Structures are given as C-alpha cells and as structure tokens.
mmCIF file of all heavy atoms, coordinates in Angstrom:
data_MODEL
# 
_entry.id   MODEL 
# 
loop_
_atom_site.group_PDB 
_atom_site.id 
_atom_site.type_symbol 
_atom_site.label_atom_id 
_atom_site.label_alt_id 
_atom_site.label_comp_id 
_atom_site.label_asym_id 
_atom_site.label_entity_id 
_atom_site.label_seq_id 
_atom_site.pdbx_PDB_ins_code 
_atom_site.Cartn_x 
_atom_site.Cartn_y 
_atom_site.Cartn_z 
_atom_site.occupancy 
_atom_site.B_iso_or_equiv 
_atom_site.pdbx_formal_charge 
_atom_site.auth_seq_id 
_atom_site.auth_comp_id 
_atom_site.auth_asym_id 
_atom_site.auth_atom_id 
_atom_site.pdbx_PDB_model_num 
ATOM 1   N N   . LEU A 1 1  ? 22.950 10.968 16.030 1.00 0.00 ? 1  LEU A N   1 
ATOM 2   C CA  . LEU A 1 1  ? 24.280 10.553 16.490 1.00 0.00 ? 1  LEU A CA  1 
ATOM 3   C C   . LEU A 1 1  ? 24.911 11.630 17.363 1.00 0.00 ? 1  LEU A C   1 
ATOM 4   O O   . LEU A 1 1  ? 25.550 11.328 18.375 1.00 0.00 ? 1  LEU A O   1 
ATOM 5   C CB  . LEU A 1 1  ? 25.180 10.256 15.282 1.00 0.00 ? 1  LEU A CB  1 
ATOM 6   C CG  . LEU A 1 1  ? 24.876 8.954  14.528 1.00 0.00 ? 1  LEU A CG  1 
ATOM 7   C CD1 . LEU A 1 1  ? 25.462 8.999  13.118 1.00 0.00 ? 1  LEU A CD1 1 
ATOM 8   C CD2 . LEU A 1 1  ? 25.434 7.758  15.298 1.00 0.00 ? 1  LEU A CD2 1 
ATOM 9   N N   . ALA A 1 2  ? 24.736 12.889 16.972 1.00 0.00 ? 2  ALA A N   1 
ATOM 10  C CA  . ALA A 1 2  ? 25.278 13.990 17.774 1.00 0.00 ? 2  ALA A CA  1 
ATOM 11  C C   . ALA A 1 2  ? 24.564 14.093 19.116 1.00 0.00 ? 2  ALA A C   1 
ATOM 12  O O   . ALA A 1 2  ? 25.178 14.373 20.152 1.00 0.00 ? 2  ALA A O   1 
ATOM 13  C CB  . ALA A 1 2  ? 25.153 15.303 17.000 1.00 0.00 ? 2  ALA A CB  1 
ATOM 14  N N   . ARG A 1 3  ? 23.246 13.822 19.100 1.00 0.00 ? 3  ARG A N   1 
ATOM 15  C CA  . ARG A 1 3  ? 22.438 13.927 20.316 1.00 0.00 ? 3  ARG A CA  1 
ATOM 16  C C   . ARG A 1 3  ? 22.723 12.788 21.290 1.00 0.00 ? 3  ARG A C   1 
ATOM 17  O O   . ARG A 1 3  ? 22.910 13.013 22.490 1.00 0.00 ? 3  ARG A O   1 
ATOM 18  C CB  . ARG A 1 3  ? 20.956 13.933 19.925 1.00 0.00 ? 3  ARG A CB  1 
ATOM 19  C CG  . ARG A 1 3  ? 20.002 14.205 21.072 1.00 0.00 ? 3  ARG A CG  1 
ATOM 20  C CD  . ARG A 1 3  ? 18.626 14.593 20.577 1.00 0.00 ? 3  ARG A CD  1 
ATOM 21  N NE  . ARG A 1 3  ? 18.125 13.729 19.512 1.00 0.00 ? 3  ARG A NE  1 
ATOM 22  C CZ  . ARG A 1 3  ? 17.927 14.136 18.259 1.00 0.00 ? 3  ARG A CZ  1 
ATOM 23  N NH1 . ARG A 1 3  ? 18.212 15.395 17.915 1.00 0.00 ? 3  ARG A NH1 1 
ATOM 24  N NH2 . ARG A 1 3  ? 17.452 13.318 17.345 1.00 0.00 ? 3  ARG A NH2 1 
ATOM 25  N N   . SER A 1 4  ? 22.786 11.551 20.785 1.00 0.00 ? 4  SER A N   1 
ATOM 26  C CA  . SER A 1 4  ? 22.953 10.384 21.657 1.00 0.00 ? 4  SER A CA  1 
ATOM 27  C C   . SER A 1 4  ? 24.411 10.058 21.938 1.00 0.00 ? 4  SER A C   1 
ATOM 28  O O   . SER A 1 4  ? 24.726 9.447  22.954 1.00 0.00 ? 4  SER A O   1 
ATOM 29  C CB  . SER A 1 4  ? 22.291 9.154  21.012 1.00 0.00 ? 4  SER A CB  1 
ATOM 30  O OG  . SER A 1 4  ? 20.904 9.343  20.860 1.00 0.00 ? 4  SER A OG  1 
ATOM 31  N N   . GLY A 1 5  ? 25.302 10.449 20.991 1.00 0.00 ? 5  GLY A N   1 
ATOM 32  C CA  . GLY A 1 5  ? 26.707 10.123 21.178 1.00 0.00 ? 5  GLY A CA  1 
ATOM 33  C C   . GLY A 1 5  ? 27.009 8.675  20.818 1.00 0.00 ? 5  GLY A C   1 
ATOM 34  O O   . GLY A 1 5  ? 26.110 7.853  20.630 1.00 0.00 ? 5  GLY A O   1 
ATOM 35  N N   . THR A 1 6  ? 28.289 8.377  20.721 1.00 0.00 ? 6  THR A N   1 
ATOM 36  C CA  . THR A 1 6  ? 28.741 7.010  20.432 1.00 0.00 ? 6  THR A CA  1 
ATOM 37  C C   . THR A 1 6  ? 29.941 6.697  21.313 1.00 0.00 ? 6  THR A C   1 
ATOM 38  O O   . THR A 1 6  ? 30.507 7.584  21.962 1.00 0.00 ? 6  THR A O   1 
ATOM 39  C CB  . THR A 1 6  ? 29.163 6.866  18.954 1.00 0.00 ? 6  THR A CB  1 
ATOM 40  O OG1 . THR A 1 6  ? 30.218 7.790  18.677 1.00 0.00 ? 6  THR A OG1 1 
ATOM 41  C CG2 . THR A 1 6  ? 28.004 7.129  18.013 1.00 0.00 ? 6  THR A CG2 1 
ATOM 42  N N   . GLY A 1 7  ? 30.320 5.431  21.343 1.00 0.00 ? 7  GLY A N   1 
ATOM 43  C CA  . GLY A 1 7  ? 31.527 5.040  22.063 1.00 0.00 ? 7  GLY A CA  1 
ATOM 44  C C   . GLY A 1 7  ? 31.405 5.092  23.568 1.00 0.00 ? 7  GLY A C   1 
ATOM 45  O O   . GLY A 1 7  ? 32.408 5.132  24.278 1.00 0.00 ? 7  GLY A O   1 
ATOM 46  N N   . ARG A 1 8  ? 30.189 5.109  24.104 1.00 0.00 ? 8  ARG A N   1 
ATOM 47  C CA  . ARG A 1 8  ? 30.001 5.124  25.562 1.00 0.00 ? 8  ARG A CA  1 
ATOM 48  C C   . ARG A 1 8  ? 28.721 4.388  25.906 1.00 0.00 ? 8  ARG A C   1 
ATOM 49  O O   . ARG A 1 8  ? 27.825 4.230  25.058 1.00 0.00 ? 8  ARG A O   1 
ATOM 50  C CB  . ARG A 1 8  ? 29.926 6.555  26.075 1.00 0.00 ? 8  ARG A CB  1 
ATOM 51  C CG  . ARG A 1 8  ? 28.808 7.371  25.462 1.00 0.00 ? 8  ARG A CG  1 
ATOM 52  C CD  . ARG A 1 8  ? 28.754 8.773  26.037 1.00 0.00 ? 8  ARG A CD  1 
ATOM 53  N NE  . ARG A 1 8  ? 27.772 9.627  25.382 1.00 0.00 ? 8  ARG A NE  1 
ATOM 54  C CZ  . ARG A 1 8  ? 26.464 9.579  25.597 1.00 0.00 ? 8  ARG A CZ  1 
ATOM 55  N NH1 . ARG A 1 8  ? 25.963 8.713  26.471 1.00 0.00 ? 8  ARG A NH1 1 
ATOM 56  N NH2 . ARG A 1 8  ? 25.644 10.410 24.948 1.00 0.00 ? 8  ARG A NH2 1 
ATOM 57  N N   . PRO A 1 9  ? 28.578 3.884  27.138 1.00 0.00 ? 9  PRO A N   1 
ATOM 58  C CA  . PRO A 1 9  ? 27.346 3.222  27.544 1.00 0.00 ? 9  PRO A CA  1 
ATOM 59  C C   . PRO A 1 9  ? 26.139 4.128  27.348 1.00 0.00 ? 9  PRO A C   1 
ATOM 60  O O   . PRO A 1 9  ? 26.172 5.316  27.683 1.00 0.00 ? 9  PRO A O   1 
ATOM 61  C CB  . PRO A 1 9  ? 27.585 2.925  29.032 1.00 0.00 ? 9  PRO A CB  1 
ATOM 62  C CG  . PRO A 1 9  ? 29.066 2.868  29.171 1.00 0.00 ? 9  PRO A CG  1 
ATOM 63  C CD  . PRO A 1 9  ? 29.598 3.876  28.195 1.00 0.00 ? 9  PRO A CD  1 
ATOM 64  N N   . GLY A 1 10 ? 25.094 3.589  26.764 1.00 0.00 ? 10 GLY A N   1 
ATOM 65  C CA  . GLY A 1 10 ? 23.895 4.368  26.502 1.00 0.00 ? 10 GLY A CA  1 
ATOM 66  C C   . GLY A 1 10 ? 23.913 5.088  25.180 1.00 0.00 ? 10 GLY A C   1 
ATOM 67  O O   . GLY A 1 10 ? 22.878 5.562  24.710 1.00 0.00 ? 10 GLY A O   1 
ATOM 68  N N   . GLY A 1 11 ? 25.084 5.211  24.562 1.00 0.00 ? 11 GLY A N   1 
ATOM 69  C CA  . GLY A 1 11 ? 25.186 5.840  23.256 1.00 0.00 ? 11 GLY A CA  1 
ATOM 70  C C   . GLY A 1 11 ? 24.858 4.842  22.157 1.00 0.00 ? 11 GLY A C   1 
ATOM 71  O O   . GLY A 1 11 ? 24.529 3.678  22.401 1.00 0.00 ? 11 GLY A O   1 
ATOM 72  N N   . ILE A 1 12 ? 24.950 5.313  20.927 1.00 0.00 ? 12 ILE A N   1 
ATOM 73  C CA  . ILE A 1 12 ? 24.621 4.455  19.788 1.00 0.00 ? 12 ILE A CA  1 
ATOM 74  C C   . ILE A 1 12 ? 25.802 3.532  19.487 1.00 0.00 ? 12 ILE A C   1 
ATOM 75  O O   . ILE A 1 12 ? 26.911 3.997  19.212 1.00 0.00 ? 12 ILE A O   1 
ATOM 76  C CB  . ILE A 1 12 ? 24.264 5.296  18.553 1.00 0.00 ? 12 ILE A CB  1 
ATOM 77  C CG1 . ILE A 1 12 ? 22.950 6.037  18.814 1.00 0.00 ? 12 ILE A CG1 1 
ATOM 78  C CG2 . ILE A 1 12 ? 24.154 4.428  17.298 1.00 0.00 ? 12 ILE A CG2 1 
ATOM 79  C CD1 . ILE A 1 12 ? 22.586 7.045  17.743 1.00 0.00 ? 12 ILE A CD1 1 
ATOM 80  N N   . GLY A 1 13 ? 25.533 2.232  19.551 1.00 0.00 ? 13 GLY A N   1 
ATOM 81  C CA  . GLY A 1 13 ? 26.586 1.248  19.299 1.00 0.00 ? 13 GLY A CA  1 
ATOM 82  C C   . GLY A 1 13 ? 26.396 0.493  18.008 1.00 0.00 ? 13 GLY A C   1 
ATOM 83  O O   . GLY A 1 13 ? 27.311 -0.188 17.551 1.00 0.00 ? 13 GLY A O   1 
ATOM 84  N N   . LEU A 1 14 ? 25.187 0.588  17.435 1.00 0.00 ? 14 LEU A N   1 
ATOM 85  C CA  . LEU A 1 14 ? 24.900 -0.136 16.199 1.00 0.00 ? 14 LEU A CA  1 
ATOM 86  C C   . LEU A 1 14 ? 23.986 0.715  15.325 1.00 0.00 ? 14 LEU A C   1 
ATOM 87  O O   . LEU A 1 14 ? 22.978 1.246  15.803 1.00 0.00 ? 14 LEU A O   1 
ATOM 88  C CB  . LEU A 1 14 ? 24.217 -1.478 16.509 1.00 0.00 ? 14 LEU A CB  1 
ATOM 89  C CG  . LEU A 1 14 ? 23.653 -2.274 15.328 1.00 0.00 ? 14 LEU A CG  1 
ATOM 90  C CD1 . LEU A 1 14 ? 24.758 -2.679 14.354 1.00 0.00 ? 14 LEU A CD1 1 
ATOM 91  C CD2 . LEU A 1 14 ? 22.907 -3.516 15.818 1.00 0.00 ? 14 LEU A CD2 1 
ATOM 92  N N   . VAL A 1 15 ? 24.344 0.854  14.056 1.00 0.00 ? 15 VAL A N   1 
ATOM 93  C CA  . VAL A 1 15 ? 23.524 1.574  13.090 1.00 0.00 ? 15 VAL A CA  1 
ATOM 94  C C   . VAL A 1 15 ? 23.072 0.594  12.021 1.00 0.00 ? 15 VAL A C   1 
ATOM 95  O O   . VAL A 1 15 ? 23.898 -0.048 11.365 1.00 0.00 ? 15 VAL A O   1 
ATOM 96  C CB  . VAL A 1 15 ? 24.300 2.733  12.433 1.00 0.00 ? 15 VAL A CB  1 
ATOM 97  C CG1 . VAL A 1 15 ? 23.422 3.451  11.410 1.00 0.00 ? 15 VAL A CG1 1 
ATOM 98  C CG2 . VAL A 1 15 ? 24.798 3.712  13.494 1.00 0.00 ? 15 VAL A CG2 1 
ATOM 99  N N   . LEU A 1 16 ? 21.748 0.452  11.867 1.00 0.00 ? 16 LEU A N   1 
ATOM 100 C CA  . LEU A 1 16 ? 21.174 -0.337 10.775 1.00 0.00 ? 16 LEU A CA  1 
ATOM 101 C C   . LEU A 1 16 ? 20.879 0.645  9.655  1.00 0.00 ? 16 LEU A C   1 
ATOM 102 O O   . LEU A 1 16 ? 19.939 1.440  9.752  1.00 0.00 ? 16 LEU A O   1 
ATOM 103 C CB  . LEU A 1 16 ? 19.910 -1.061 11.237 1.00 0.00 ? 16 LEU A CB  1 
ATOM 104 C CG  . LEU A 1 16 ? 20.089 -2.037 12.414 1.00 0.00 ? 16 LEU A CG  1 
ATOM 105 C CD1 . LEU A 1 16 ? 18.748 -2.636 12.825 1.00 0.00 ? 16 LEU A CD1 1 
ATOM 106 C CD2 . LEU A 1 16 ? 21.087 -3.133 12.067 1.00 0.00 ? 16 LEU A CD2 1 
ATOM 107 N N   . LEU A 1 17 ? 21.672 0.619  8.600  1.00 0.00 ? 17 LEU A N   1 
ATOM 108 C CA  . LEU A 1 17 ? 21.726 1.711  7.626  1.00 0.00 ? 17 LEU A CA  1 
ATOM 109 C C   . LEU A 1 17 ? 21.285 1.273  6.239  1.00 0.00 ? 17 LEU A C   1 
ATOM 110 O O   . LEU A 1 17 ? 21.919 0.420  5.611  1.00 0.00 ? 17 LEU A O   1 
ATOM 111 C CB  . LEU A 1 17 ? 23.165 2.248  7.568  1.00 0.00 ? 17 LEU A CB  1 
ATOM 112 C CG  . LEU A 1 17 ? 23.472 3.374  6.590  1.00 0.00 ? 17 LEU A CG  1 
ATOM 113 C CD1 . LEU A 1 17 ? 22.668 4.622  6.921  1.00 0.00 ? 17 LEU A CD1 1 
ATOM 114 C CD2 . LEU A 1 17 ? 24.969 3.678  6.606  1.00 0.00 ? 17 LEU A CD2 1 
ATOM 115 N N   . ASP A 1 18 ? 20.211 1.904  5.745  1.00 0.00 ? 18 ASP A N   1 
ATOM 116 C CA  . ASP A 1 18 ? 19.769 1.646  4.379  1.00 0.00 ? 18 ASP A CA  1 
ATOM 117 C C   . ASP A 1 18 ? 20.689 2.402  3.407  1.00 0.00 ? 18 ASP A C   1 
ATOM 118 O O   . ASP A 1 18 ? 21.242 3.449  3.742  1.00 0.00 ? 18 ASP A O   1 
ATOM 119 C CB  . ASP A 1 18 ? 18.322 2.135  4.210  1.00 0.00 ? 18 ASP A CB  1 
ATOM 120 C CG  . ASP A 1 18 ? 17.723 1.730  2.871  1.00 0.00 ? 18 ASP A CG  1 
ATOM 121 O OD1 . ASP A 1 18 ? 18.153 0.693  2.323  1.00 0.00 ? 18 ASP A OD1 1 
ATOM 122 O OD2 . ASP A 1 18 ? 16.856 2.455  2.371  1.00 0.00 ? 18 ASP A OD2 1 
ATOM 123 N N   . VAL A 1 19 ? 20.845 1.852  2.192  1.00 0.00 ? 19 VAL A N   1 
ATOM 124 C CA  . VAL A 1 19 ? 21.703 2.499  1.195  1.00 0.00 ? 19 VAL A CA  1 
ATOM 125 C C   . VAL A 1 19 ? 20.979 3.656  0.517  1.00 0.00 ? 19 VAL A C   1 
ATOM 126 O O   . VAL A 1 19 ? 21.509 4.756  0.389  1.00 0.00 ? 19 VAL A O   1 
ATOM 127 C CB  . VAL A 1 19 ? 22.187 1.478  0.145  1.00 0.00 ? 19 VAL A CB  1 
ATOM 128 C CG1 . VAL A 1 19 ? 22.883 2.191  -1.019 1.00 0.00 ? 19 VAL A CG1 1 
ATOM 129 C CG2 . VAL A 1 19 ? 23.143 0.473  0.782  1.00 0.00 ? 19 VAL A CG2 1 
ATOM 130 N N   . ARG A 1 20 ? 19.747 3.418  0.090  1.00 0.00 ? 20 ARG A N   1 
ATOM 131 C CA  . ARG A 1 20 ? 19.012 4.441  -0.662 1.00 0.00 ? 20 ARG A CA  1 
ATOM 132 C C   . ARG A 1 20 ? 18.236 5.326  0.307  1.00 0.00 ? 20 ARG A C   1 
ATOM 133 O O   . ARG A 1 20 ? 17.258 4.901  0.922  1.00 0.00 ? 20 ARG A O   1 
ATOM 134 C CB  . ARG A 1 20 ? 18.063 3.790  -1.660 1.00 0.00 ? 20 ARG A CB  1 
ATOM 135 C CG  . ARG A 1 20 ? 18.779 2.918  -2.674 1.00 0.00 ? 20 ARG A CG  1 
ATOM 136 C CD  . ARG A 1 20 ? 17.944 2.659  -3.892 1.00 0.00 ? 20 ARG A CD  1 
ATOM 137 N NE  . ARG A 1 20 ? 17.725 3.872  -4.659 1.00 0.00 ? 20 ARG A NE  1 
ATOM 138 C CZ  . ARG A 1 20 ? 17.219 3.881  -5.891 1.00 0.00 ? 20 ARG A CZ  1 
ATOM 139 N NH1 . ARG A 1 20 ? 16.859 2.760  -6.477 1.00 0.00 ? 20 ARG A NH1 1 
ATOM 140 N NH2 . ARG A 1 20 ? 17.048 5.016  -6.532 1.00 0.00 ? 20 ARG A NH2 1 
ATOM 141 N N   . LEU A 1 21 ? 18.699 6.567  0.437  1.00 0.00 ? 21 LEU A N   1 
ATOM 142 C CA  . LEU A 1 21 ? 18.094 7.525  1.346  1.00 0.00 ? 21 LEU A CA  1 
ATOM 143 C C   . LEU A 1 21 ? 17.894 8.850  0.612  1.00 0.00 ? 21 LEU A C   1 
ATOM 144 O O   . LEU A 1 21 ? 18.611 9.151  -0.345 1.00 0.00 ? 21 LEU A O   1 
ATOM 145 C CB  . LEU A 1 21 ? 19.011 7.758  2.561  1.00 0.00 ? 21 LEU A CB  1 
ATOM 146 C CG  . LEU A 1 21 ? 19.262 6.579  3.486  1.00 0.00 ? 21 LEU A CG  1 
ATOM 147 C CD1 . LEU A 1 21 ? 20.386 6.918  4.468  1.00 0.00 ? 21 LEU A CD1 1 
ATOM 148 C CD2 . LEU A 1 21 ? 17.989 6.208  4.248  1.00 0.00 ? 21 LEU A CD2 1 
ATOM 149 N N   . PRO A 1 22 ? 16.938 9.660  1.041  1.00 0.00 ? 22 PRO A N   1 
ATOM 150 C CA  . PRO A 1 22 ? 16.819 10.995 0.456  1.00 0.00 ? 22 PRO A CA  1 
ATOM 151 C C   . PRO A 1 22 ? 18.037 11.834 0.834  1.00 0.00 ? 22 PRO A C   1 
ATOM 152 O O   . PRO A 1 22 ? 18.543 11.742 1.957  1.00 0.00 ? 22 PRO A O   1 
ATOM 153 C CB  . PRO A 1 22 ? 15.535 11.545 1.102  1.00 0.00 ? 22 PRO A CB  1 
ATOM 154 C CG  . PRO A 1 22 ? 15.338 10.740 2.345  1.00 0.00 ? 22 PRO A CG  1 
ATOM 155 C CD  . PRO A 1 22 ? 15.898 9.389  2.051  1.00 0.00 ? 22 PRO A CD  1 
ATOM 156 N N   . GLY A 1 23 ? 18.533 12.622 -0.117 1.00 0.00 ? 23 GLY A N   1 
ATOM 157 C CA  . GLY A 1 23 ? 19.744 13.391 0.156  1.00 0.00 ? 23 GLY A CA  1 
ATOM 158 C C   . GLY A 1 23 ? 20.965 12.494 0.041  1.00 0.00 ? 23 GLY A C   1 
ATOM 159 O O   . GLY A 1 23 ? 21.096 11.704 -0.897 1.00 0.00 ? 23 GLY A O   1 
ATOM 160 N N   . ASP A 1 24 ? 21.865 12.602 1.019  1.00 0.00 ? 24 ASP A N   1 
ATOM 161 C CA  . ASP A 1 24 ? 23.060 11.748 1.017  1.00 0.00 ? 24 ASP A CA  1 
ATOM 162 C C   . ASP A 1 24 ? 22.659 10.282 1.149  1.00 0.00 ? 24 ASP A C   1 
ATOM 163 O O   . ASP A 1 24 ? 21.764 9.942  1.932  1.00 0.00 ? 24 ASP A O   1 
ATOM 164 C CB  . ASP A 1 24 ? 23.977 12.123 2.183  1.00 0.00 ? 24 ASP A CB  1 
ATOM 165 C CG  . ASP A 1 24 ? 24.637 13.477 1.982  1.00 0.00 ? 24 ASP A CG  1 
ATOM 166 O OD1 . ASP A 1 24 ? 24.706 13.931 0.823  1.00 0.00 ? 24 ASP A OD1 1 
ATOM 167 O OD2 . ASP A 1 24 ? 25.071 14.071 2.988  1.00 0.00 ? 24 ASP A OD2 1 
ATOM 168 N N   . ASP A 1 25 ? 23.348 9.413  0.407  1.00 0.00 ? 25 ASP A N   1 
ATOM 169 C CA  . ASP A 1 25 ? 23.008 7.995  0.503  1.00 0.00 ? 25 ASP A CA  1 
ATOM 170 C C   . ASP A 1 25 ? 23.708 7.359  1.696  1.00 0.00 ? 25 ASP A C   1 
ATOM 171 O O   . ASP A 1 25 ? 24.521 7.979  2.393  1.00 0.00 ? 25 ASP A O   1 
ATOM 172 C CB  . ASP A 1 25 ? 23.350 7.250  -0.795 1.00 0.00 ? 25 ASP A CB  1 
ATOM 173 C CG  . ASP A 1 25 ? 24.837 7.209  -1.093 1.00 0.00 ? 25 ASP A CG  1 
ATOM 174 O OD1 . ASP A 1 25 ? 25.646 7.498  -0.190 1.00 0.00 ? 25 ASP A OD1 1 
ATOM 175 O OD2 . ASP A 1 25 ? 25.197 6.890  -2.241 1.00 0.00 ? 25 ASP A OD2 1 
ATOM 176 N N   . GLY A 1 26 ? 23.366 6.089  1.932  1.00 0.00 ? 26 GLY A N   1 
ATOM 177 C CA  . GLY A 1 26 ? 23.900 5.390  3.097  1.00 0.00 ? 26 GLY A CA  1 
ATOM 178 C C   . GLY A 1 26 ? 25.400 5.211  3.056  1.00 0.00 ? 26 GLY A C   1 
ATOM 179 O O   . GLY A 1 26 ? 26.072 5.249  4.101  1.00 0.00 ? 26 GLY A O   1 
ATOM 180 N N   . PHE A 1 27 ? 25.964 5.020  1.861  1.00 0.00 ? 27 PHE A N   1 
ATOM 181 C CA  . PHE A 1 27 ? 27.408 4.840  1.770  1.00 0.00 ? 27 PHE A CA  1 
ATOM 182 C C   . PHE A 1 27 ? 28.157 6.107  2.183  1.00 0.00 ? 27 PHE A C   1 
ATOM 183 O O   . PHE A 1 27 ? 29.263 6.036  2.728  1.00 0.00 ? 27 PHE A O   1 
ATOM 184 C CB  . PHE A 1 27 ? 27.809 4.424  0.346  1.00 0.00 ? 27 PHE A CB  1 
ATOM 185 C CG  . PHE A 1 27 ? 27.535 2.978  0.041  1.00 0.00 ? 27 PHE A CG  1 
ATOM 186 C CD1 . PHE A 1 27 ? 27.037 2.590  -1.193 1.00 0.00 ? 27 PHE A CD1 1 
ATOM 187 C CD2 . PHE A 1 27 ? 27.771 1.992  0.992  1.00 0.00 ? 27 PHE A CD2 1 
ATOM 188 C CE1 . PHE A 1 27 ? 26.790 1.259  -1.478 1.00 0.00 ? 27 PHE A CE1 1 
ATOM 189 C CE2 . PHE A 1 27 ? 27.534 0.657  0.721  1.00 0.00 ? 27 PHE A CE2 1 
ATOM 190 C CZ  . PHE A 1 27 ? 27.040 0.283  -0.513 1.00 0.00 ? 27 PHE A CZ  1 
# 
C-alpha cells in the first residue's frame, strides 16, 4: 500500500482481504 499508494489513478483501489493472516489479522 505504501509502495503503490491509494486514492489516485494506478494506485490500489480495492483490497481483497482475508481475515486469518499470520501476525496481525485482517480486521
């Protein structure tokens, strides 16, 4: 997210996010 950026053309506009992840969870 830091690399691609958000809120601009070409940036990340949609995140498909799993809940159970290693470390911090999706929530």
